[in-house]
Amino acid sequence: MKIEIKTKDLEITDFVQKLVDNKLKPKIDRLLKKLPADRKSALLRLTTRSRWGYKASLSMSLPGKVRIFGKEIHKNLESAIVNLREEVVRQIREYKEKRSSS
């Protein structure tokens, strides 16, 4: 799966790349393993918020004109990414349930 990372007021360091590669990507890949590789791409936006910490949002399109979108704000970047992962995983599971029942 390809995850494009866009940042605002934040630098993409090795730490940020490892967070995405280790915390976010494997879980989404596992849920979407039957999709062709060219269909698995997402856009991750990371920004710093002076009062609230970090904002992480992810958007991706799935077959059937379904759009997955999640957004999390947290003081800790790692927590924001983990919470975002849980939100996206929940939406992907709902998508798969609807698709398998029809």
PDB file of N, CA and C in Angstrom:
ATOM      1  N   MET A   1       0.833  -1.178   0.000  1.00  0.00           N
ATOM      2  CA  MET A   1       0.000   0.000   0.000  1.00  0.00           C
ATOM      3  C   MET A   1       0.879   1.243   0.000  1.00  0.00           C
ATOM      4  N   LYS A   2       0.456   2.222  -0.759  1.00  0.00           N
ATOM      5  CA  LYS A   2       1.202   3.480  -0.837  1.00  0.00           C
ATOM      6  C   LYS A   2       0.458   4.538  -0.027  1.00  0.00           C
ATOM      7  N   ILE A   3       1.145   5.122   0.938  1.00  0.00           N
ATOM      8  CA  ILE A   3       0.580   6.213   1.726  1.00  0.00           C
ATOM      9  C   ILE A   3       1.428   7.449   1.472  1.00  0.00           C
ATOM     10  N   GLU A   4       0.822   8.438   0.852  1.00  0.00           N
ATOM     11  CA  GLU A   4       1.514   9.702   0.600  1.00  0.00           C
ATOM     12  C   GLU A   4       1.327  10.593   1.826  1.00  0.00           C
ATOM     13  N   ILE A   5       2.417  11.142   2.328  1.00  0.00           N
ATOM     14  CA  ILE A   5       2.368  11.964   3.534  1.00  0.00           C
ATOM     15  C   ILE A   5       2.568  13.425   3.150  1.00  0.00           C
ATOM     16  N   LYS A   6       1.612  14.258   3.537  1.00  0.00           N
ATOM     17  CA  LYS A   6       1.719  15.705   3.355  1.00  0.00           C
ATOM     18  C   LYS A   6       1.738  16.320   4.748  1.00  0.00           C
ATOM     19  N   THR A   7       2.604  17.304   4.952  1.00  0.00           N
ATOM     20  CA  THR A   7       2.700  17.925   6.270  1.00  0.00           C
ATOM     21  C   THR A   7       2.582  19.437   6.165  1.00  0.00           C
ATOM     22  N   LYS A   8       2.184  20.025   7.282  1.00  0.00           N
ATOM     23  CA  LYS A   8       2.140  21.476   7.409  1.00  0.00           C
ATOM     24  C   LYS A   8       2.732  21.808   8.769  1.00  0.00           C
ATOM     25  N   ASP A   9       3.746  22.627   8.773  1.00  0.00           N
ATOM     26  CA  ASP A   9       4.444  23.014  10.011  1.00  0.00           C
ATOM     27  C   ASP A   9       5.061  21.819  10.720  1.00  0.00           C
ATOM     28  N   LEU A  10       5.421  20.807   9.967  1.00  0.00           N
ATOM     29  CA  LEU A  10       5.995  19.590  10.539  1.00  0.00           C
ATOM     30  C   LEU A  10       6.906  18.965   9.488  1.00  0.00           C
ATOM     31  N   GLU A  11       8.023  18.454   9.927  1.00  0.00           N
ATOM     32  CA  GLU A  11       8.974  17.825   9.014  1.00  0.00           C
ATOM     33  C   GLU A  11       8.787  16.309   9.046  1.00  0.00           C
ATOM     34  N   ILE A  12       8.899  15.676   7.889  1.00  0.00           N
ATOM     35  CA  ILE A  12       8.799  14.217   7.830  1.00  0.00           C
ATOM     36  C   ILE A  12      10.162  13.648   8.218  1.00  0.00           C
ATOM     37  N   THR A  13      10.269  13.221   9.446  1.00  0.00           N
ATOM     38  CA  THR A  13      11.512  12.639   9.942  1.00  0.00           C
ATOM     39  C   THR A  13      11.429  11.118   9.843  1.00  0.00           C
ATOM     40  N   ASP A  14      12.518  10.453  10.170  1.00  0.00           N
ATOM     41  CA  ASP A  14      12.511   8.988  10.201  1.00  0.00           C
ATOM     42  C   ASP A  14      11.487   8.480  11.205  1.00  0.00           C
ATOM     43  N   PHE A  15      11.346   9.189  12.326  1.00  0.00           N
ATOM     44  CA  PHE A  15      10.382   8.799  13.356  1.00  0.00           C
ATOM     45  C   PHE A  15       8.961   8.810  12.796  1.00  0.00           C
ATOM     46  N   VAL A  16       8.612   9.867  12.090  1.00  0.00           N
ATOM     47  CA  VAL A  16       7.268   9.974  11.507  1.00  0.00           C
ATOM     48  C   VAL A  16       7.061   8.875  10.470  1.00  0.00           C
ATOM     49  N   GLN A  17       8.045   8.641   9.619  1.00  0.00           N
ATOM     50  CA  GLN A  17       7.935   7.604   8.594  1.00  0.00           C
ATOM     51  C   GLN A  17       7.789   6.221   9.228  1.00  0.00           C
ATOM     52  N   LYS A  18       8.538   5.953  10.299  1.00  0.00           N
ATOM     53  CA  LYS A  18       8.429   4.660  10.987  1.00  0.00           C
ATOM     54  C   LYS A  18       7.071   4.496  11.644  1.00  0.00           C
ATOM     55  N   LEU A  19       6.524   5.583  12.207  1.00  0.00           N
ATOM     56  CA  LEU A  19       5.185   5.513  12.793  1.00  0.00           C
ATOM     57  C   LEU A  19       4.164   5.083  11.747  1.00  0.00           C
ATOM     58  N   VAL A  20       4.226   5.703  10.601  1.00  0.00           N
ATOM     59  CA  VAL A  20       3.280   5.377   9.528  1.00  0.00           C
ATOM     60  C   VAL A  20       3.504   3.951   9.041  1.00  0.00           C
ATOM     61  N   ASP A  21       4.761   3.574   8.820  1.00  0.00           N
ATOM     62  CA  ASP A  21       5.073   2.241   8.300  1.00  0.00           C
ATOM     63  C   ASP A  21       4.768   1.130   9.296  1.00  0.00           C
ATOM     64  N   ASN A  22       4.906   1.391  10.589  1.00  0.00           N
ATOM     65  CA  ASN A  22       4.719   0.343  11.595  1.00  0.00           C
ATOM     66  C   ASN A  22       3.345   0.346  12.251  1.00  0.00           C
ATOM     67  N   LYS A  23       2.718   1.494  12.382  1.00  0.00           N
ATOM     68  CA  LYS A  23       1.451   1.579  13.109  1.00  0.00           C
ATOM     69  C   LYS A  23       0.230   1.625  12.197  1.00  0.00           C
ATOM     70  N   LEU A  24       0.342   2.274  11.068  1.00  0.00           N
ATOM     71  CA  LEU A  24      -0.824   2.516  10.227  1.00  0.00           C
ATOM     72  C   LEU A  24      -0.906   1.566   9.036  1.00  0.00           C
ATOM     73  N   LYS A  25       0.152   1.494   8.286  1.00  0.00           N
ATOM     74  CA  LYS A  25       0.167   0.754   7.021  1.00  0.00           C
ATOM     75  C   LYS A  25      -0.135  -0.742   7.150  1.00  0.00           C
ATOM     76  N   PRO A  26       0.486  -1.484   8.086  1.00  0.00           N
ATOM     77  CA  PRO A  26       0.244  -2.938   8.129  1.00  0.00           C
ATOM     78  C   PRO A  26      -1.212  -3.309   8.396  1.00  0.00           C
ATOM     79  N   LYS A  27      -1.864  -2.575   9.278  1.00  0.00           N
ATOM     80  CA  LYS A  27      -3.254  -2.892   9.628  1.00  0.00           C
ATOM     81  C   LYS A  27      -4.179  -2.670   8.427  1.00  0.00           C
ATOM     82  N   ILE A  28      -3.987  -1.568   7.726  1.00  0.00           N
ATOM     83  CA  ILE A  28      -4.818  -1.279   6.554  1.00  0.00           C
ATOM     84  C   ILE A  28      -4.519  -2.276   5.438  1.00  0.00           C
ATOM     85  N   ASP A  29      -3.246  -2.592   5.239  1.00  0.00           N
ATOM     86  CA  ASP A  29      -2.858  -3.585   4.226  1.00  0.00           C
ATOM     87  C   ASP A  29      -3.521  -4.934   4.478  1.00  0.00           C
ATOM     88  N   ARG A  30      -3.544  -5.341   5.735  1.00  0.00           N
ATOM     89  CA  ARG A  30      -4.120  -6.640   6.087  1.00  0.00           C
ATOM     90  C   ARG A  30      -5.615  -6.679   5.775  1.00  0.00           C
ATOM     91  N   LEU A  31      -6.319  -5.575   6.050  1.00  0.00           N
ATOM     92  CA  LEU A  31      -7.754  -5.546   5.787  1.00  0.00           C
ATOM     93  C   LEU A  31      -8.079  -5.472   4.295  1.00  0.00           C
ATOM     94  N   LEU A  32      -7.189  -4.885   3.522  1.00  0.00           N
ATOM     95  CA  LEU A  32      -7.441  -4.703   2.089  1.00  0.00           C
ATOM     96  C   LEU A  32      -6.565  -5.603   1.225  1.00  0.00           C
ATOM     97  N   LYS A  33      -6.190  -6.761   1.739  1.00  0.00           N
ATOM     98  CA  LYS A  33      -5.247  -7.625   1.021  1.00  0.00           C
ATOM     99  C   LYS A  33      -5.786  -8.147  -0.305  1.00  0.00           C
ATOM    100  N   LYS A  34      -7.111  -8.200  -0.479  1.00  0.00           N
ATOM    101  CA  LYS A  34      -7.671  -8.721  -1.727  1.00  0.00           C
ATOM    102  C   LYS A  34      -7.755  -7.670  -2.832  1.00  0.00           C
ATOM    103  N   LEU A  35      -7.552  -6.408  -2.484  1.00  0.00           N
ATOM    104  CA  LEU A  35      -7.582  -5.358  -3.504  1.00  0.00           C
ATOM    105  C   LEU A  35      -6.276  -5.347  -4.290  1.00  0.00           C
ATOM    106  N   PRO A  36      -6.337  -5.020  -5.572  1.00  0.00           N
ATOM    107  CA  PRO A  36      -5.101  -4.896  -6.352  1.00  0.00           C
ATOM    108  C   PRO A  36      -4.230  -3.762  -5.798  1.00  0.00           C
ATOM    109  N   ALA A  37      -2.945  -3.873  -5.993  1.00  0.00           N
ATOM    110  CA  ALA A  37      -1.995  -2.897  -5.433  1.00  0.00           C
ATOM    111  C   ALA A  37      -2.249  -1.481  -5.945  1.00  0.00           C
ATOM    112  N   ASP A  38      -2.682  -1.358  -7.201  1.00  0.00           N
ATOM    113  CA  ASP A  38      -2.910  -0.016  -7.740  1.00  0.00           C
ATOM    114  C   ASP A  38      -4.135   0.664  -7.130  1.00  0.00           C
ATOM    115  N   ARG A  39      -4.994  -0.086  -6.463  1.00  0.00           N
ATOM    116  CA  ARG A  39      -6.178   0.465  -5.804  1.00  0.00           C
ATOM    117  C   ARG A  39      -5.909   0.884  -4.367  1.00  0.00           C
ATOM    118  N   LYS A  40      -4.759   0.505  -3.841  1.00  0.00           N
ATOM    119  CA  LYS A  40      -4.461   0.776  -2.435  1.00  0.00           C
ATOM    120  C   LYS A  40      -3.513   1.964  -2.310  1.00  0.00           C
ATOM    121  N   SER A  41      -4.095   3.136  -2.201  1.00  0.00           N
ATOM    122  CA  SER A  41      -3.296   4.330  -1.954  1.00  0.00           C
ATOM    123  C   SER A  41      -4.113   5.272  -1.075  1.00  0.00           C
ATOM    124  N   ALA A  42      -3.411   6.041  -0.270  1.00  0.00           N
ATOM    125  CA  ALA A  42      -4.072   6.944   0.661  1.00  0.00           C
ATOM    126  C   ALA A  42      -3.246   8.210   0.807  1.00  0.00           C
ATOM    127  N   LEU A  43      -3.899   9.256   1.273  1.00  0.00           N
ATOM    128  CA  LEU A  43      -3.239  10.524   1.540  1.00  0.00           C
ATOM    129  C   LEU A  43      -3.339  10.797   3.033  1.00  0.00           C
ATOM    130  N   LEU A  44      -2.200  10.939   3.680  1.00  0.00           N
ATOM    131  CA  LEU A  44      -2.129  11.231   5.111  1.00  0.00           C
ATOM    132  C   LEU A  44      -1.640  12.656   5.277  1.00  0.00           C
ATOM    133  N   ARG A  45      -2.417  13.456   5.983  1.00  0.00           N
ATOM    134  CA  ARG A  45      -2.025  14.843   6.256  1.00  0.00           C
ATOM    135  C   ARG A  45      -1.721  14.980   7.738  1.00  0.00           C
ATOM    136  N   LEU A  46      -0.543  15.510   8.036  1.00  0.00           N
ATOM    137  CA  LEU A  46      -0.122  15.740   9.415  1.00  0.00           C
ATOM    138  C   LEU A  46       0.157  17.227   9.596  1.00  0.00           C
ATOM    139  N   THR A  47      -0.435  17.812  10.632  1.00  0.00           N
ATOM    140  CA  THR A  47      -0.192  19.219  10.935  1.00  0.00           C
ATOM    141  C   THR A  47      -0.005  19.388  12.430  1.00  0.00           C
ATOM    142  N   THR A  48       0.695  20.443  12.793  1.00  0.00           N
ATOM    143  CA  THR A  48       0.822  20.766  14.213  1.00  0.00           C
ATOM    144  C   THR A  48      -0.182  21.853  14.540  1.00  0.00           C
ATOM    145  N   ARG A  49      -0.786  21.713  15.684  1.00  0.00           N
ATOM    146  CA  ARG A  49      -1.741  22.696  16.172  1.00  0.00           C
ATOM    147  C   ARG A  49      -1.189  23.233  17.483  1.00  0.00           C
ATOM    148  N   SER A  50      -1.021  24.521  17.595  1.00  0.00           N
ATOM    149  CA  SER A  50      -0.341  25.083  18.758  1.00  0.00           C
ATOM    150  C   SER A  50      -1.028  24.725  20.072  1.00  0.00           C
ATOM    151  N   ARG A  51      -2.324  24.765  20.108  1.00  0.00           N
ATOM    152  CA  ARG A  51      -3.027  24.505  21.353  1.00  0.00           C
ATOM    153  C   ARG A  51      -3.346  23.023  21.558  1.00  0.00           C
ATOM    154  N   TRP A  52      -3.650  22.319  20.481  1.00  0.00           N
ATOM    155  CA  TRP A  52      -4.146  20.951  20.604  1.00  0.00           C
ATOM    156  C   TRP A  52      -3.112  19.878  20.319  1.00  0.00           C
ATOM    157  N   GLY A  53      -1.960  20.226  19.858  1.00  0.00           N
ATOM    158  CA  GLY A  53      -0.953  19.210  19.561  1.00  0.00           C
ATOM    159  C   GLY A  53      -0.889  18.918  18.076  1.00  0.00           C
ATOM    160  N   TYR A  54      -1.239  17.701  17.696  1.00  0.00           N
ATOM    161  CA  TYR A  54      -1.107  17.257  16.306  1.00  0.00           C
ATOM    162  C   TYR A  54      -2.462  16.856  15.735  1.00  0.00           C
ATOM    163  N   LYS A  55      -2.612  17.105  14.449  1.00  0.00           N
ATOM    164  CA  LYS A  55      -3.818  16.686  13.734  1.00  0.00           C
ATOM    165  C   LYS A  55      -3.381  15.731  12.634  1.00  0.00           C
ATOM    166  N   ALA A  56      -4.007  14.576  12.590  1.00  0.00           N
ATOM    167  CA  ALA A  56      -3.723  13.581  11.559  1.00  0.00           C
ATOM    168  C   ALA A  56      -5.029  13.264  10.839  1.00  0.00           C
ATOM    169  N   SER A  57      -5.013  13.318   9.526  1.00  0.00           N
ATOM    170  CA  SER A  57      -6.200  12.947   8.755  1.00  0.00           C
ATOM    171  C   SER A  57      -5.770  12.077   7.583  1.00  0.00           C
ATOM    172  N   LEU A  58      -6.601  11.102   7.270  1.00  0.00           N
ATOM    173  CA  LEU A  58      -6.300  10.163   6.194  1.00  0.00           C
ATOM    174  C   LEU A  58      -7.519  10.047   5.299  1.00  0.00           C
ATOM    175  N   SER A  59      -7.298  10.073   3.990  1.00  0.00           N
ATOM    176  CA  SER A  59      -8.400   9.860   3.050  1.00  0.00           C
ATOM    177  C   SER A  59      -7.957   8.870   1.984  1.00  0.00           C
ATOM    178  N   MET A  60      -8.891   8.022   1.609  1.00  0.00           N
ATOM    179  CA  MET A  60      -8.625   7.038   0.560  1.00  0.00           C
ATOM    180  C   MET A  60      -9.938   6.668  -0.111  1.00  0.00           C
ATOM    181  N   SER A  61      -9.846   6.242  -1.356  1.00  0.00           N
ATOM    182  CA  SER A  61     -11.020   5.809  -2.110  1.00  0.00           C
ATOM    183  C   SER A  61     -10.942   4.311  -2.327  1.00  0.00           C
ATOM    184  N   LEU A  62     -12.098   3.663  -2.208  1.00  0.00           N
ATOM    185  CA  LEU A  62     -12.188   2.221  -2.414  1.00  0.00           C
ATOM    186  C   LEU A  62     -13.147   1.947  -3.565  1.00  0.00           C
ATOM    187  N   PRO A  63     -13.101   0.760  -4.149  1.00  0.00           N
ATOM    188  CA  PRO A  63     -14.017   0.425  -5.244  1.00  0.00           C
ATOM    189  C   PRO A  63     -15.476   0.613  -4.826  1.00  0.00           C
ATOM    190  N   GLY A  64     -16.298   1.015  -5.761  1.00  0.00           N
ATOM    191  CA  GLY A  64     -17.698   1.263  -5.471  1.00  0.00           C
ATOM    192  C   GLY A  64     -17.939   2.700  -5.061  1.00  0.00           C
ATOM    193  N   LYS A  65     -17.005   3.579  -5.401  1.00  0.00           N
ATOM    194  CA  LYS A  65     -17.095   5.007  -5.088  1.00  0.00           C
ATOM    195  C   LYS A  65     -17.249   5.264  -3.596  1.00  0.00           C
ATOM    196  N   VAL A  66     -16.556   4.482  -2.801  1.00  0.00           N
ATOM    197  CA  VAL A  66     -16.580   4.639  -1.346  1.00  0.00           C
ATOM    198  C   VAL A  66     -15.342   5.413  -0.934  1.00  0.00           C
ATOM    199  N   ARG A  67     -15.552   6.411  -0.092  1.00  0.00           N
ATOM    200  CA  ARG A  67     -14.434   7.214   0.392  1.00  0.00           C
ATOM    201  C   ARG A  67     -14.282   6.982   1.886  1.00  0.00           C
ATOM    202  N   ILE A  68     -13.080   6.662   2.295  1.00  0.00           N
ATOM    203  CA  ILE A  68     -12.751   6.472   3.703  1.00  0.00           C
ATOM    204  C   ILE A  68     -12.027   7.731   4.162  1.00  0.00           C
ATOM    205  N   PHE A  69     -12.487   8.304   5.266  1.00  0.00           N
ATOM    206  CA  PHE A  69     -11.855   9.502   5.796  1.00  0.00           C
ATOM    207  C   PHE A  69     -11.860   9.442   7.315  1.00  0.00           C
ATOM    208  N   GLY A  70     -10.729   9.764   7.905  1.00  0.00           N
ATOM    209  CA  GLY A  70     -10.634   9.826   9.356  1.00  0.00           C
ATOM    210  C   GLY A  70      -9.794  11.014   9.769  1.00  0.00           C
ATOM    211  N   LYS A  71     -10.119  11.571  10.945  1.00  0.00           N
ATOM    212  CA  LYS A  71      -9.378  12.722  11.445  1.00  0.00           C
ATOM    213  C   LYS A  71      -9.246  12.601  12.955  1.00  0.00           C
ATOM    214  N   GLU A  72      -8.054  12.832  13.460  1.00  0.00           N
ATOM    215  CA  GLU A  72      -7.802  12.773  14.901  1.00  0.00           C
ATOM    216  C   GLU A  72      -6.902  13.927  15.312  1.00  0.00           C
ATOM    217  N   ILE A  73      -7.173  14.471  16.487  1.00  0.00           N
ATOM    218  CA  ILE A  73      -6.343  15.515  17.075  1.00  0.00           C
ATOM    219  C   ILE A  73      -5.909  15.029  18.447  1.00  0.00           C
ATOM    220  N   HIS A  74      -4.611  15.112  18.721  1.00  0.00           N
ATOM    221  CA  HIS A  74      -4.084  14.641  20.007  1.00  0.00           C
ATOM    222  C   HIS A  74      -2.793  15.385  20.323  1.00  0.00           C
ATOM    223  N   LYS A  75      -2.480  15.481  21.588  1.00  0.00           N
ATOM    224  CA  LYS A  75      -1.236  16.152  22.016  1.00  0.00           C
ATOM    225  C   LYS A  75       0.010  15.402  21.558  1.00  0.00           C
ATOM    226  N   ASN A  76      -0.108  14.090  21.400  1.00  0.00           N
ATOM    227  CA  ASN A  76       1.016  13.230  21.037  1.00  0.00           C
ATOM    228  C   ASN A  76       0.813  12.741  19.597  1.00  0.00           C
ATOM    229  N   LEU A  77       1.830  12.868  18.766  1.00  0.00           N
ATOM    230  CA  LEU A  77       1.719  12.457  17.360  1.00  0.00           C
ATOM    231  C   LEU A  77       1.439  10.969  17.227  1.00  0.00           C
ATOM    232  N   GLU A  78       2.113  10.148  18.004  1.00  0.00           N
ATOM    233  CA  GLU A  78       1.902   8.705  17.928  1.00  0.00           C
ATOM    234  C   GLU A  78       0.465   8.345  18.292  1.00  0.00           C
ATOM    235  N   SER A  79      -0.074   8.966  19.332  1.00  0.00           N
ATOM    236  CA  SER A  79      -1.458   8.701  19.730  1.00  0.00           C
ATOM    237  C   SER A  79      -2.436   9.155  18.652  1.00  0.00           C
ATOM    238  N   ALA A  80      -2.154  10.274  18.017  1.00  0.00           N
ATOM    239  CA  ALA A  80      -3.024  10.751  16.938  1.00  0.00           C
ATOM    240  C   ALA A  80      -3.060   9.742  15.793  1.00  0.00           C
ATOM    241  N   ILE A  81      -1.906   9.179  15.441  1.00  0.00           N
ATOM    242  CA  ILE A  81      -1.842   8.205  14.343  1.00  0.00           C
ATOM    243  C   ILE A  81      -2.523   6.899  14.732  1.00  0.00           C
ATOM    244  N   VAL A  82      -2.328   6.438  15.968  1.00  0.00           N
ATOM    245  CA  VAL A  82      -2.965   5.193  16.420  1.00  0.00           C
ATOM    246  C   VAL A  82      -4.483   5.363  16.471  1.00  0.00           C
ATOM    247  N   ASN A  83      -4.970   6.490  16.999  1.00  0.00           N
ATOM    248  CA  ASN A  83      -6.410   6.733  17.046  1.00  0.00           C
ATOM    249  C   ASN A  83      -6.990   6.857  15.636  1.00  0.00           C
ATOM    250  N   LEU A  84      -6.242   7.472  14.744  1.00  0.00           N
ATOM    251  CA  LEU A  84      -6.669   7.579  13.349  1.00  0.00           C
ATOM    252  C   LEU A  84      -6.774   6.193  12.724  1.00  0.00           C
ATOM    253  N   ARG A  85      -5.807   5.343  13.010  1.00  0.00           N
ATOM    254  CA  ARG A  85      -5.822   3.973  12.483  1.00  0.00           C
ATOM    255  C   ARG A  85      -7.099   3.253  12.913  1.00  0.00           C
ATOM    256  N   GLU A  86      -7.469   3.384  14.177  1.00  0.00           N
ATOM    257  CA  GLU A  86      -8.669   2.705  14.666  1.00  0.00           C
ATOM    258  C   GLU A  86      -9.924   3.218  13.967  1.00  0.00           C
ATOM    259  N   GLU A  87      -9.995   4.514  13.725  1.00  0.00           N
ATOM    260  CA  GLU A  87     -11.137   5.097  13.023  1.00  0.00           C
ATOM    261  C   GLU A  87     -11.223   4.577  11.589  1.00  0.00           C
ATOM    262  N   VAL A  88     -10.102   4.535  10.899  1.00  0.00           N
ATOM    263  CA  VAL A  88     -10.071   4.072   9.508  1.00  0.00           C
ATOM    264  C   VAL A  88     -10.376   2.574   9.435  1.00  0.00           C
ATOM    265  N   VAL A  89      -9.834   1.798  10.355  1.00  0.00           N
ATOM    266  CA  VAL A  89     -10.084   0.351  10.386  1.00  0.00           C
ATOM    267  C   VAL A  89     -11.575   0.079  10.584  1.00  0.00           C
ATOM    268  N   ARG A  90     -12.217   0.844  11.463  1.00  0.00           N
ATOM    269  CA  ARG A  90     -13.654   0.678  11.691  1.00  0.00           C
ATOM    270  C   ARG A  90     -14.430   0.929  10.395  1.00  0.00           C
ATOM    271  N   GLN A  91     -14.076   1.973   9.677  1.00  0.00           N
ATOM    272  CA  GLN A  91     -14.768   2.295   8.430  1.00  0.00           C
ATOM    273  C   GLN A  91     -14.522   1.232   7.350  1.00  0.00           C
ATOM    274  N   ILE A  92     -13.310   0.720   7.277  1.00  0.00           N
ATOM    275  CA  ILE A  92     -13.006  -0.324   6.287  1.00  0.00           C
ATOM    276  C   ILE A  92     -13.794  -1.588   6.602  1.00  0.00           C
ATOM    277  N   ARG A  93     -13.901  -1.945   7.871  1.00  0.00           N
ATOM    278  CA  ARG A  93     -14.688  -3.131   8.251  1.00  0.00           C
ATOM    279  C   ARG A  93     -16.157  -2.956   7.889  1.00  0.00           C
ATOM    280  N   GLU A  94     -16.708  -1.759   8.113  1.00  0.00           N
ATOM    281  CA  GLU A  94     -18.094  -1.494   7.718  1.00  0.00           C
ATOM    282  C   GLU A  94     -18.251  -1.634   6.204  1.00  0.00           C
ATOM    283  N   TYR A  95     -17.292  -1.121   5.445  1.00  0.00           N
ATOM    284  CA  TYR A  95     -17.312  -1.220   3.988  1.00  0.00           C
ATOM    285  C   TYR A  95     -17.306  -2.684   3.552  1.00  0.00           C
ATOM    286  N   LYS A  96     -16.445  -3.487   4.167  1.00  0.00           N
ATOM    287  CA  LYS A  96     -16.344  -4.898   3.793  1.00  0.00           C
ATOM    288  C   LYS A  96     -17.619  -5.662   4.153  1.00  0.00           C
ATOM    289  N   GLU A  97     -18.233  -5.336   5.293  1.00  0.00           N
ATOM    290  CA  GLU A  97     -19.483  -6.000   5.680  1.00  0.00           C
ATOM    291  C   GLU A  97     -20.600  -5.669   4.695  1.00  0.00           C
ATOM    292  N   LYS A  98     -20.721  -4.406   4.319  1.00  0.00           N
ATOM    293  CA  LYS A  98     -21.753  -4.012   3.359  1.00  0.00           C
ATOM    294  C   LYS A  98     -21.522  -4.677   2.008  1.00  0.00           C
ATOM    295  N   ARG A  99     -20.271  -4.747   1.605  1.00  0.00           N
ATOM    296  CA  ARG A  99     -19.931  -5.327   0.306  1.00  0.00           C
ATOM    297  C   ARG A  99     -20.194  -6.831   0.276  1.00  0.00           C
ATOM    298  N   SER A 100     -19.915  -7.521   1.379  1.00  0.00           N
ATOM    299  CA  SER A 100     -20.112  -8.970   1.405  1.00  0.00           C
ATOM    300  C   SER A 100     -21.589  -9.343   1.530  1.00  0.00           C
ATOM    301  N   SER A 101     -22.401  -8.454   2.125  1.00  0.00           N
ATOM    302  CA  SER A 101     -23.816  -8.776   2.292  1.00  0.00           C
ATOM    303  C   SER A 101     -24.626  -8.487   1.032  1.00  0.00           C
ATOM    304  N   SER A 102     -24.081  -7.693   0.098  1.00  0.00           N
ATOM    305  CA  SER A 102     -24.861  -7.414  -1.116  1.00  0.00           C
ATOM    306  C   SER A 102     -24.488  -8.284  -2.268  1.00  0.00           C
TER     307      SER A 102
END
